[in-house]
C-alpha atoms as a PDB file:
ATOM      1  CA  MET A   1     -27.266  36.595-101.473  1.00  0.00           C
ATOM      2  CA  LEU A   2     -27.892  40.190-102.461  1.00  0.00           C
ATOM      3  CA  VAL A   3     -25.345  42.665-101.101  1.00  0.00           C
ATOM      4  CA  ALA A   4     -25.138  46.453-101.383  1.00  0.00           C
ATOM      5  CA  ASP A   5     -21.958  47.683-103.007  1.00  0.00           C
ATOM      6  CA  LYS A   6     -19.936  50.520-101.512  1.00  0.00           C
ATOM      7  CA  GLU A   7     -21.308  49.915 -98.011  1.00  0.00           C
ATOM      8  CA  SER A   8     -19.438  49.138 -94.824  1.00  0.00           C
ATOM      9  CA  HIS A   9     -19.483  45.391 -94.375  1.00  0.00           C
ATOM     10  CA  SER A  10     -17.885  42.919 -92.032  1.00  0.00           C
ATOM     11  CA  PRO A  11     -14.741  41.178 -93.276  1.00  0.00           C
ATOM     12  CA  GLU A  12     -16.833  38.191 -94.352  1.00  0.00           C
ATOM     13  CA  VAL A  13     -18.073  40.207 -97.337  1.00  0.00           C
ATOM     14  CA  GLU A  14     -14.929  39.030 -99.112  1.00  0.00           C
ATOM     15  CA  ALA A  15     -16.769  35.702 -99.518  1.00  0.00           C
ATOM     16  CA  CYS A  16     -19.269  37.532-101.736  1.00  0.00           C
ATOM     17  CA  ILE A  17     -18.105  37.094-105.295  1.00  0.00           C
ATOM     18  CA  GLU A  18     -20.317  38.570-107.989  1.00  0.00           C
ATOM     19  CA  GLY A  19     -22.093  35.809-109.859  1.00  0.00           C
ATOM     20  CA  ARG A  20     -20.481  33.010-107.849  1.00  0.00           C
ATOM     21  CA  THR A  21     -21.716  33.450-104.288  1.00  0.00           C
ATOM     22  CA  ALA A  22     -23.657  36.702-104.434  1.00  0.00           C
ATOM     23  CA  ARG A  23     -25.048  39.533-106.514  1.00  0.00           C
ATOM     24  CA  PHE A  24     -24.296  43.157-105.736  1.00  0.00           C
ATOM     25  CA  PHE A  25     -26.768  45.986-106.133  1.00  0.00           C
ATOM     26  CA  THR A  26     -26.113  49.715-106.143  1.00  0.00           C
ATOM     27  CA  ALA A  27     -26.252  51.011-102.578  1.00  0.00           C
ATOM     28  CA  ASN A  28     -29.162  53.354-101.848  1.00  0.00           C
ATOM     29  CA  SER A  29     -30.918  52.355-105.067  1.00  0.00           C
ATOM     30  CA  ALA A  30     -34.285  50.752-104.479  1.00  0.00           C
ATOM     31  CA  SER A  31     -34.762  50.304-108.214  1.00  0.00           C
ATOM     32  CA  ASP A  32     -31.465  48.421-108.624  1.00  0.00           C
ATOM     33  CA  LEU A  33     -32.236  46.278-105.582  1.00  0.00           C
ATOM     34  CA  GLY A  34     -35.680  45.533-107.020  1.00  0.00           C
ATOM     35  CA  GLN A  35     -34.227  44.617-110.405  1.00  0.00           C
ATOM     36  CA  LYS A  36     -31.591  42.366-108.830  1.00  0.00           C
ATOM     37  CA  MET A  37     -34.316  40.664-106.776  1.00  0.00           C
ATOM     38  CA  VAL A  38     -36.299  39.983-109.945  1.00  0.00           C
ATOM     39  CA  ASP A  39     -33.157  38.738-111.729  1.00  0.00           C
ATOM     40  CA  PHE A  40     -32.255  36.571-108.741  1.00  0.00           C
ATOM     41  CA  PHE A  41     -35.732  35.053-108.716  1.00  0.00           C
ATOM     42  CA  LYS A  42     -35.685  34.412-112.466  1.00  0.00           C
ATOM     43  CA  SER A  43     -32.325  32.662-112.207  1.00  0.00           C
ATOM     44  CA  ARG A  44     -33.149  30.813-108.988  1.00  0.00           C
ATOM     45  CA  GLU A  45     -32.602  27.378-110.557  1.00  0.00           C
ATOM     46  CA  SER A  46     -28.992  28.233-111.406  1.00  0.00           C
ATOM     47  CA  TRP A  47     -28.439  29.490-107.850  1.00  0.00           C
ATOM     48  CA  ILE A  48     -29.944  26.300-106.448  1.00  0.00           C
ATOM     49  CA  GLU A  49     -27.519  24.334-108.634  1.00  0.00           C
ATOM     50  CA  LYS A  50     -24.615  26.401-107.229  1.00  0.00           C
ATOM     51  CA  ASP A  51     -25.551  25.505-103.655  1.00  0.00           C
ATOM     52  CA  SER A  52     -22.905  22.772-103.253  1.00  0.00           C
ATOM     53  CA  ASP A  53     -20.197  24.874-104.903  1.00  0.00           C
ATOM     54  CA  ILE A  54     -20.975  27.833-102.632  1.00  0.00           C
ATOM     55  CA  CYS A  55     -20.929  25.607 -99.533  1.00  0.00           C
ATOM     56  CA  GLU A  56     -17.615  24.025-100.546  1.00  0.00           C
ATOM     57  CA  PHE A  57     -16.052  27.420-101.283  1.00  0.00           C
ATOM     58  CA  VAL A  58     -17.107  28.842 -97.926  1.00  0.00           C
ATOM     59  CA  ALA A  59     -16.043  25.695 -96.039  1.00  0.00           C
ATOM     60  CA  GLU A  60     -12.628  25.721 -97.715  1.00  0.00           C
ATOM     61  CA  TYR A  61     -11.818  29.371 -97.107  1.00  0.00           C
ATOM     62  CA  TYR A  62     -13.758  30.095 -93.924  1.00  0.00           C
ATOM     63  CA  SER A  63     -13.316  27.027 -91.754  1.00  0.00           C
ATOM     64  CA  VAL A  64     -12.386  27.332 -88.101  1.00  0.00           C
ATOM     65  CA  GLU A  65      -9.029  25.781 -88.965  1.00  0.00           C
ATOM     66  CA  GLY A  66      -8.422  28.340 -91.702  1.00  0.00           C
ATOM     67  CA  MET A  67      -9.319  31.267 -89.449  1.00  0.00           C
ATOM     68  CA  VAL A  68      -7.106  29.902 -86.644  1.00  0.00           C
ATOM     69  CA  ALA A  69      -4.203  29.461 -89.079  1.00  0.00           C
ATOM     70  CA  THR A  70      -4.558  33.053 -90.293  1.00  0.00           C
ATOM     71  CA  PHE A  71      -4.767  34.333 -86.714  1.00  0.00           C
ATOM     72  CA  ALA A  72      -1.681  32.302 -85.743  1.00  0.00           C
ATOM     73  CA  GLU A  73       0.252  33.749 -88.699  1.00  0.00           C
ATOM     74  CA  VAL A  74      -0.665  37.301 -87.692  1.00  0.00           C
ATOM     75  CA  VAL A  75       0.329  36.713 -84.067  1.00  0.00           C
ATOM     76  CA  SER A  76       3.575  35.033 -85.085  1.00  0.00           C
ATOM     77  CA  SER A  77       4.448  37.875 -87.431  1.00  0.00           C
ATOM     78  CA  PHE A  78       3.663  40.427 -84.725  1.00  0.00           C
ATOM     79  CA  VAL A  79       5.800  38.603 -82.153  1.00  0.00           C
ATOM     80  CA  GLU A  80       8.700  38.244 -84.604  1.00  0.00           C
ATOM     81  CA  SER A  81       8.607  41.933 -85.513  1.00  0.00           C
ATOM     82  CA  SER A  82       8.335  42.942 -81.845  1.00  0.00           C
ATOM     83  CA  VAL A  83      11.319  40.774 -80.896  1.00  0.00           C
ATOM     84  CA  SER A  84      13.292  42.059 -83.856  1.00  0.00           C
ATOM     85  CA  GLN A  85      12.451  45.659 -82.937  1.00  0.00           C
ATOM     86  CA  SER A  86      13.466  45.129 -79.293  1.00  0.00           C
ATOM     87  CA  PHE A  87      16.959  43.997 -80.394  1.00  0.00           C
ATOM     88  CA  LYS A  88      17.308  47.162 -82.502  1.00  0.00           C
ATOM     89  CA  ASP A  89      16.476  49.389 -79.543  1.00  0.00           C
END
């Protein structure tokens, strides 16, 4: 995947790791994007070989179970801090 650096992205951009799951190009630079596209094409065999590793990485860190666990932790922390704050008031 080719991704512009220094651009607003959804939180999932954290899955983009230079050289492992993605390549970044300089935002607003057509020449850098073009060069990265050429480089990506030239190294396509190595990216094809990384396919399983990329899929495993994404599945491990971005599964429904993982996202639910993170959400549950945030909610639990919020509830605990709210309860704690209400006893202080």
